[in-house]
Amino acid sequence: MVGSFIINKRLESAKHNYRAIGGASPLPAHTFALCKQLEKLDSSAIFTYAMRYTPPFAYDVLLFMRAKGR
């Protein structure tokens, strides 16, 4: 709900900004790559991330971690 409000309020400027950097936020891809690199350093740990306004949301990540016994 909050995410939709923010997106609608900033939609046109956000579209312009995202077009300027290739069409999408680089943050999820960079964060995912960081998690994979960290897993190489410690394969016994689970490295993941959550986003505030887009998936993966914190609640879903917490459910995932609980299912993994963490």
PDB file of N, CA and C in Angstrom:
ATOM      1  N   MET A   1       0.826  -1.181   0.000  1.00  0.00           N
ATOM      2  CA  MET A   1       0.000   0.000   0.000  1.00  0.00           C
ATOM      3  C   MET A   1       0.876   1.251   0.000  1.00  0.00           C
ATOM      4  N   VAL A   2       1.821   1.322   0.901  1.00  0.00           N
ATOM      5  CA  VAL A   2       2.721   2.474   0.943  1.00  0.00           C
ATOM      6  C   VAL A   2       3.559   2.519  -0.329  1.00  0.00           C
ATOM      7  N   GLY A   3       4.000   1.337  -0.760  1.00  0.00           N
ATOM      8  CA  GLY A   3       4.791   1.272  -1.980  1.00  0.00           C
ATOM      9  C   GLY A   3       4.043   1.816  -3.176  1.00  0.00           C
ATOM     10  N   SER A   4       2.763   1.471  -3.301  1.00  0.00           N
ATOM     11  CA  SER A   4       1.946   1.961  -4.413  1.00  0.00           C
ATOM     12  C   SER A   4       1.813   3.472  -4.367  1.00  0.00           C
ATOM     13  N   PHE A   5       1.609   4.026  -3.189  1.00  0.00           N
ATOM     14  CA  PHE A   5       1.492   5.475  -3.046  1.00  0.00           C
ATOM     15  C   PHE A   5       2.775   6.166  -3.506  1.00  0.00           C
ATOM     16  N   ILE A   6       3.901   5.652  -3.041  1.00  0.00           N
ATOM     17  CA  ILE A   6       5.188   6.249  -3.403  1.00  0.00           C
ATOM     18  C   ILE A   6       5.433   6.121  -4.904  1.00  0.00           C
ATOM     19  N   ILE A   7       5.166   4.947  -5.445  1.00  0.00           N
ATOM     20  CA  ILE A   7       5.373   4.731  -6.877  1.00  0.00           C
ATOM     21  C   ILE A   7       4.516   5.685  -7.696  1.00  0.00           C
ATOM     22  N   ASN A   8       3.235   5.789  -7.373  1.00  0.00           N
ATOM     23  CA  ASN A   8       2.347   6.667  -8.137  1.00  0.00           C
ATOM     24  C   ASN A   8       2.759   8.128  -8.028  1.00  0.00           C
ATOM     25  N   LYS A   9       3.219   8.533  -6.874  1.00  0.00           N
ATOM     26  CA  LYS A   9       3.619   9.924  -6.663  1.00  0.00           C
ATOM     27  C   LYS A   9       4.867  10.284  -7.470  1.00  0.00           C
ATOM     28  N   ARG A  10       5.772   9.344  -7.613  1.00  0.00           N
ATOM     29  CA  ARG A  10       7.054   9.615  -8.260  1.00  0.00           C
ATOM     30  C   ARG A  10       7.192   8.952  -9.625  1.00  0.00           C
ATOM     31  N   LEU A  11       6.108   8.458 -10.188  1.00  0.00           N
ATOM     32  CA  LEU A  11       6.181   7.594 -11.362  1.00  0.00           C
ATOM     33  C   LEU A  11       6.950   8.195 -12.531  1.00  0.00           C
ATOM     34  N   GLU A  12       6.601   9.379 -12.965  1.00  0.00           N
ATOM     35  CA  GLU A  12       7.251   9.947 -14.151  1.00  0.00           C
ATOM     36  C   GLU A  12       8.733  10.231 -13.928  1.00  0.00           C
ATOM     37  N   SER A  13       9.074  10.807 -12.781  1.00  0.00           N
ATOM     38  CA  SER A  13      10.497  11.070 -12.540  1.00  0.00           C
ATOM     39  C   SER A  13      11.257   9.757 -12.365  1.00  0.00           C
ATOM     40  N   ALA A  14      10.616   8.775 -11.763  1.00  0.00           N
ATOM     41  CA  ALA A  14      11.264   7.474 -11.594  1.00  0.00           C
ATOM     42  C   ALA A  14      11.491   6.806 -12.948  1.00  0.00           C
ATOM     43  N   LYS A  15      10.504   6.870 -13.846  1.00  0.00           N
ATOM     44  CA  LYS A  15      10.670   6.291 -15.187  1.00  0.00           C
ATOM     45  C   LYS A  15      11.872   6.914 -15.889  1.00  0.00           C
ATOM     46  N   HIS A  16      11.954   8.228 -15.815  1.00  0.00           N
ATOM     47  CA  HIS A  16      13.074   8.935 -16.439  1.00  0.00           C
ATOM     48  C   HIS A  16      14.405   8.476 -15.832  1.00  0.00           C
ATOM     49  N   ASN A  17      14.457   8.422 -14.524  1.00  0.00           N
ATOM     50  CA  ASN A  17      15.694   8.022 -13.847  1.00  0.00           C
ATOM     51  C   ASN A  17      16.077   6.584 -14.170  1.00  0.00           C
ATOM     52  N   TYR A  18      15.114   5.676 -14.171  1.00  0.00           N
ATOM     53  CA  TYR A  18      15.417   4.279 -14.475  1.00  0.00           C
ATOM     54  C   TYR A  18      15.843   4.102 -15.923  1.00  0.00           C
ATOM     55  N   ARG A  19      15.237   4.843 -16.855  1.00  0.00           N
ATOM     56  CA  ARG A  19      15.681   4.779 -18.259  1.00  0.00           C
ATOM     57  C   ARG A  19      17.149   5.200 -18.360  1.00  0.00           C
ATOM     58  N   ALA A  20      17.522   6.187 -17.576  1.00  0.00           N
ATOM     59  CA  ALA A  20      18.896   6.689 -17.613  1.00  0.00           C
ATOM     60  C   ALA A  20      19.915   5.662 -17.114  1.00  0.00           C
ATOM     61  N   ILE A  21      19.483   4.717 -16.288  1.00  0.00           N
ATOM     62  CA  ILE A  21      20.416   3.705 -15.753  1.00  0.00           C
ATOM     63  C   ILE A  21      20.129   2.311 -16.296  1.00  0.00           C
ATOM     64  N   GLY A  22      19.425   2.240 -17.426  1.00  0.00           N
ATOM     65  CA  GLY A  22      19.235   0.944 -18.069  1.00  0.00           C
ATOM     66  C   GLY A  22      17.868   0.325 -17.907  1.00  0.00           C
ATOM     67  N   GLY A  23      16.919   1.007 -17.309  1.00  0.00           N
ATOM     68  CA  GLY A  23      15.548   0.518 -17.264  1.00  0.00           C
ATOM     69  C   GLY A  23      15.095  -0.104 -15.959  1.00  0.00           C
ATOM     70  N   ALA A  24      16.009  -0.385 -15.062  1.00  0.00           N
ATOM     71  CA  ALA A  24      15.623  -1.000 -13.787  1.00  0.00           C
ATOM     72  C   ALA A  24      16.660  -0.635 -12.730  1.00  0.00           C
ATOM     73  N   SER A  25      16.266  -0.782 -11.493  1.00  0.00           N
ATOM     74  CA  SER A  25      17.198  -0.535 -10.405  1.00  0.00           C
ATOM     75  C   SER A  25      18.273  -1.616 -10.400  1.00  0.00           C
ATOM     76  N   PRO A  26      19.528  -1.238 -10.263  1.00  0.00           N
ATOM     77  CA  PRO A  26      20.586  -2.237 -10.175  1.00  0.00           C
ATOM     78  C   PRO A  26      20.692  -2.869  -8.786  1.00  0.00           C
ATOM     79  N   LEU A  27      19.993  -2.316  -7.814  1.00  0.00           N
ATOM     80  CA  LEU A  27      20.153  -2.766  -6.430  1.00  0.00           C
ATOM     81  C   LEU A  27      19.842  -4.253  -6.220  1.00  0.00           C
ATOM     82  N   PRO A  28      18.712  -4.792  -6.697  1.00  0.00           N
ATOM     83  CA  PRO A  28      18.462  -6.219  -6.462  1.00  0.00           C
ATOM     84  C   PRO A  28      19.534  -7.130  -7.064  1.00  0.00           C
ATOM     85  N   ALA A  29      19.963  -6.848  -8.280  1.00  0.00           N
ATOM     86  CA  ALA A  29      20.983  -7.694  -8.912  1.00  0.00           C
ATOM     87  C   ALA A  29      22.308  -7.615  -8.166  1.00  0.00           C
ATOM     88  N   HIS A  30      22.705  -6.421  -7.762  1.00  0.00           N
ATOM     89  CA  HIS A  30      23.954  -6.269  -7.012  1.00  0.00           C
ATOM     90  C   HIS A  30      23.863  -6.963  -5.656  1.00  0.00           C
ATOM     91  N   THR A  31      22.733  -6.825  -4.999  1.00  0.00           N
ATOM     92  CA  THR A  31      22.560  -7.432  -3.679  1.00  0.00           C
ATOM     93  C   THR A  31      22.545  -8.949  -3.781  1.00  0.00           C
ATOM     94  N   PHE A  32      21.859  -9.482  -4.798  1.00  0.00           N
ATOM     95  CA  PHE A  32      21.834 -10.927  -5.021  1.00  0.00           C
ATOM     96  C   PHE A  32      23.254 -11.441  -5.279  1.00  0.00           C
ATOM     97  N   ALA A  33      24.004 -10.734  -6.124  1.00  0.00           N
ATOM     98  CA  ALA A  33      25.381 -11.138  -6.417  1.00  0.00           C
ATOM     99  C   ALA A  33      26.240 -11.104  -5.151  1.00  0.00           C
ATOM    100  N   LEU A  34      26.047 -10.106  -4.315  1.00  0.00           N
ATOM    101  CA  LEU A  34      26.779 -10.025  -3.053  1.00  0.00           C
ATOM    102  C   LEU A  34      26.469 -11.229  -2.172  1.00  0.00           C
ATOM    103  N   CYS A  35      25.203 -11.600  -2.080  1.00  0.00           N
ATOM    104  CA  CYS A  35      24.817 -12.773  -1.280  1.00  0.00           C
ATOM    105  C   CYS A  35      25.503 -14.028  -1.801  1.00  0.00           C
ATOM    106  N   LYS A  36      25.570 -14.192  -3.116  1.00  0.00           N
ATOM    107  CA  LYS A  36      26.225 -15.369  -3.701  1.00  0.00           C
ATOM    108  C   LYS A  36      27.721 -15.377  -3.378  1.00  0.00           C
ATOM    109  N   GLN A  37      28.357 -14.229  -3.426  1.00  0.00           N
ATOM    110  CA  GLN A  37      29.780 -14.154  -3.085  1.00  0.00           C
ATOM    111  C   GLN A  37      30.009 -14.475  -1.606  1.00  0.00           C
ATOM    112  N   LEU A  38      29.141 -13.990  -0.749  1.00  0.00           N
ATOM    113  CA  LEU A  38      29.257 -14.287   0.680  1.00  0.00           C
ATOM    114  C   LEU A  38      29.065 -15.772   0.951  1.00  0.00           C
ATOM    115  N   GLU A  39      28.150 -16.415   0.219  1.00  0.00           N
ATOM    116  CA  GLU A  39      27.949 -17.858   0.375  1.00  0.00           C
ATOM    117  C   GLU A  39      29.212 -18.631   0.019  1.00  0.00           C
ATOM    118  N   LYS A  40      29.983 -18.125  -0.935  1.00  0.00           N
ATOM    119  CA  LYS A  40      31.246 -18.779  -1.288  1.00  0.00           C
ATOM    120  C   LYS A  40      32.241 -18.700  -0.133  1.00  0.00           C
ATOM    121  N   LEU A  41      32.174 -17.636   0.639  1.00  0.00           N
ATOM    122  CA  LEU A  41      33.072 -17.475   1.783  1.00  0.00           C
ATOM    123  C   LEU A  41      32.645 -18.309   2.979  1.00  0.00           C
ATOM    124  N   ASP A  42      31.344 -18.540   3.125  1.00  0.00           N
ATOM    125  CA  ASP A  42      30.821 -19.312   4.257  1.00  0.00           C
ATOM    126  C   ASP A  42      29.609 -20.110   3.793  1.00  0.00           C
ATOM    127  N   SER A  43      29.860 -21.319   3.327  1.00  0.00           N
ATOM    128  CA  SER A  43      28.774 -22.131   2.773  1.00  0.00           C
ATOM    129  C   SER A  43      27.825 -22.662   3.847  1.00  0.00           C
ATOM    130  N   SER A  44      28.187 -22.521   5.117  1.00  0.00           N
ATOM    131  CA  SER A  44      27.290 -22.989   6.174  1.00  0.00           C
ATOM    132  C   SER A  44      26.214 -21.960   6.510  1.00  0.00           C
ATOM    133  N   ALA A  45      26.380 -20.751   6.026  1.00  0.00           N
ATOM    134  CA  ALA A  45      25.424 -19.671   6.313  1.00  0.00           C
ATOM    135  C   ALA A  45      24.509 -19.445   5.111  1.00  0.00           C
ATOM    136  N   ILE A  46      23.356 -18.877   5.383  1.00  0.00           N
ATOM    137  CA  ILE A  46      22.442 -18.467   4.325  1.00  0.00           C
ATOM    138  C   ILE A  46      22.473 -16.948   4.269  1.00  0.00           C
ATOM    139  N   PHE A  47      22.802 -16.432   3.117  1.00  0.00           N
ATOM    140  CA  PHE A  47      22.817 -14.984   2.914  1.00  0.00           C
ATOM    141  C   PHE A  47      21.655 -14.619   2.005  1.00  0.00           C
ATOM    142  N   THR A  48      20.853 -13.701   2.443  1.00  0.00           N
ATOM    143  CA  THR A  48      19.704 -13.271   1.665  1.00  0.00           C
ATOM    144  C   THR A  48      19.465 -11.794   1.936  1.00  0.00           C
ATOM    145  N   TYR A  49      18.428 -11.262   1.357  1.00  0.00           N
ATOM    146  CA  TYR A  49      18.138  -9.841   1.531  1.00  0.00           C
ATOM    147  C   TYR A  49      16.645  -9.615   1.420  1.00  0.00           C
ATOM    148  N   ALA A  50      16.217  -8.453   1.857  1.00  0.00           N
ATOM    149  CA  ALA A  50      14.810  -8.057   1.759  1.00  0.00           C
ATOM    150  C   ALA A  50      14.755  -6.623   1.255  1.00  0.00           C
ATOM    151  N   MET A  51      13.665  -6.315   0.579  1.00  0.00           N
ATOM    152  CA  MET A  51      13.449  -4.969   0.068  1.00  0.00           C
ATOM    153  C   MET A  51      12.221  -4.386   0.769  1.00  0.00           C
ATOM    154  N   ARG A  52      12.149  -3.093   0.835  1.00  0.00           N
ATOM    155  CA  ARG A  52      11.030  -2.450   1.514  1.00  0.00           C
ATOM    156  C   ARG A  52       9.776  -2.386   0.642  1.00  0.00           C
ATOM    157  N   TYR A  53       9.918  -2.012  -0.619  1.00  0.00           N
ATOM    158  CA  TYR A  53       8.746  -1.738  -1.450  1.00  0.00           C
ATOM    159  C   TYR A  53       8.505  -2.748  -2.561  1.00  0.00           C
ATOM    160  N   THR A  54       9.455  -3.628  -2.805  1.00  0.00           N
ATOM    161  CA  THR A  54       9.315  -4.644  -3.850  1.00  0.00           C
ATOM    162  C   THR A  54       9.822  -5.979  -3.322  1.00  0.00           C
ATOM    163  N   PRO A  55       9.412  -7.080  -3.935  1.00  0.00           N
ATOM    164  CA  PRO A  55       9.910  -8.382  -3.493  1.00  0.00           C
ATOM    165  C   PRO A  55      11.426  -8.478  -3.673  1.00  0.00           C
ATOM    166  N   PRO A  56      12.053  -9.244  -2.818  1.00  0.00           N
ATOM    167  CA  PRO A  56      11.538 -10.036  -1.709  1.00  0.00           C
ATOM    168  C   PRO A  56      11.284  -9.165  -0.468  1.00  0.00           C
ATOM    169  N   PHE A  57      10.089  -9.257   0.054  1.00  0.00           N
ATOM    170  CA  PHE A  57       9.704  -8.493   1.239  1.00  0.00           C
ATOM    171  C   PHE A  57      10.241  -9.167   2.498  1.00  0.00           C
ATOM    172  N   ALA A  58      10.466  -8.388   3.543  1.00  0.00           N
ATOM    173  CA  ALA A  58      11.055  -8.894   4.782  1.00  0.00           C
ATOM    174  C   ALA A  58      10.257 -10.056   5.366  1.00  0.00           C
ATOM    175  N   TYR A  59       8.936  -9.943   5.369  1.00  0.00           N
ATOM    176  CA  TYR A  59       8.122 -11.011   5.953  1.00  0.00           C
ATOM    177  C   TYR A  59       8.356 -12.328   5.216  1.00  0.00           C
ATOM    178  N   ASP A  60       8.401 -12.271   3.897  1.00  0.00           N
ATOM    179  CA  ASP A  60       8.618 -13.486   3.111  1.00  0.00           C
ATOM    180  C   ASP A  60      10.011 -14.060   3.341  1.00  0.00           C
ATOM    181  N   VAL A  61      10.989 -13.192   3.477  1.00  0.00           N
ATOM    182  CA  VAL A  61      12.350 -13.651   3.751  1.00  0.00           C
ATOM    183  C   VAL A  61      12.419 -14.293   5.135  1.00  0.00           C
ATOM    184  N   LEU A  62      11.733 -13.712   6.104  1.00  0.00           N
ATOM    185  CA  LEU A  62      11.698 -14.320   7.437  1.00  0.00           C
ATOM    186  C   LEU A  62      11.047 -15.693   7.409  1.00  0.00           C
ATOM    187  N   LEU A  63       9.977 -15.852   6.649  1.00  0.00           N
ATOM    188  CA  LEU A  63       9.352 -17.172   6.513  1.00  0.00           C
ATOM    189  C   LEU A  63      10.315 -18.162   5.868  1.00  0.00           C
ATOM    190  N   PHE A  64      11.029 -17.716   4.858  1.00  0.00           N
ATOM    191  CA  PHE A  64      12.024 -18.558   4.194  1.00  0.00           C
ATOM    192  C   PHE A  64      13.098 -18.998   5.181  1.00  0.00           C
ATOM    193  N   MET A  65      13.614 -18.045   5.966  1.00  0.00           N
ATOM    194  CA  MET A  65      14.658 -18.373   6.932  1.00  0.00           C
ATOM    195  C   MET A  65      14.138 -19.318   8.013  1.00  0.00           C
ATOM    196  N   ARG A  66      12.921 -19.113   8.441  1.00  0.00           N
ATOM    197  CA  ARG A  66      12.326 -20.019   9.428  1.00  0.00           C
ATOM    198  C   ARG A  66      12.219 -21.430   8.854  1.00  0.00           C
ATOM    199  N   ALA A  67      11.806 -21.536   7.601  1.00  0.00           N
ATOM    200  CA  ALA A  67      11.684 -22.847   6.953  1.00  0.00           C
ATOM    201  C   ALA A  67      13.042 -23.534   6.839  1.00  0.00           C
ATOM    202  N   LYS A  68      14.097 -22.748   6.739  1.00  0.00           N
ATOM    203  CA  LYS A  68      15.456 -23.294   6.664  1.00  0.00           C
ATOM    204  C   LYS A  68      16.025 -23.589   8.051  1.00  0.00           C
ATOM    205  N   GLY A  69      15.257 -23.274   9.101  1.00  0.00           N
ATOM    206  CA  GLY A  69      15.717 -23.535  10.458  1.00  0.00           C
ATOM    207  C   GLY A  69      16.696 -22.507  10.988  1.00  0.00           C
ATOM    208  N   ARG A  70      16.624 -21.304  10.486  1.00  0.00           N
ATOM    209  CA  ARG A  70      17.560 -20.242  10.910  1.00  0.00           C
ATOM    210  C   ARG A  70      16.889 -19.239  11.789  1.00  0.00           C
TER     211      ARG A  70
END
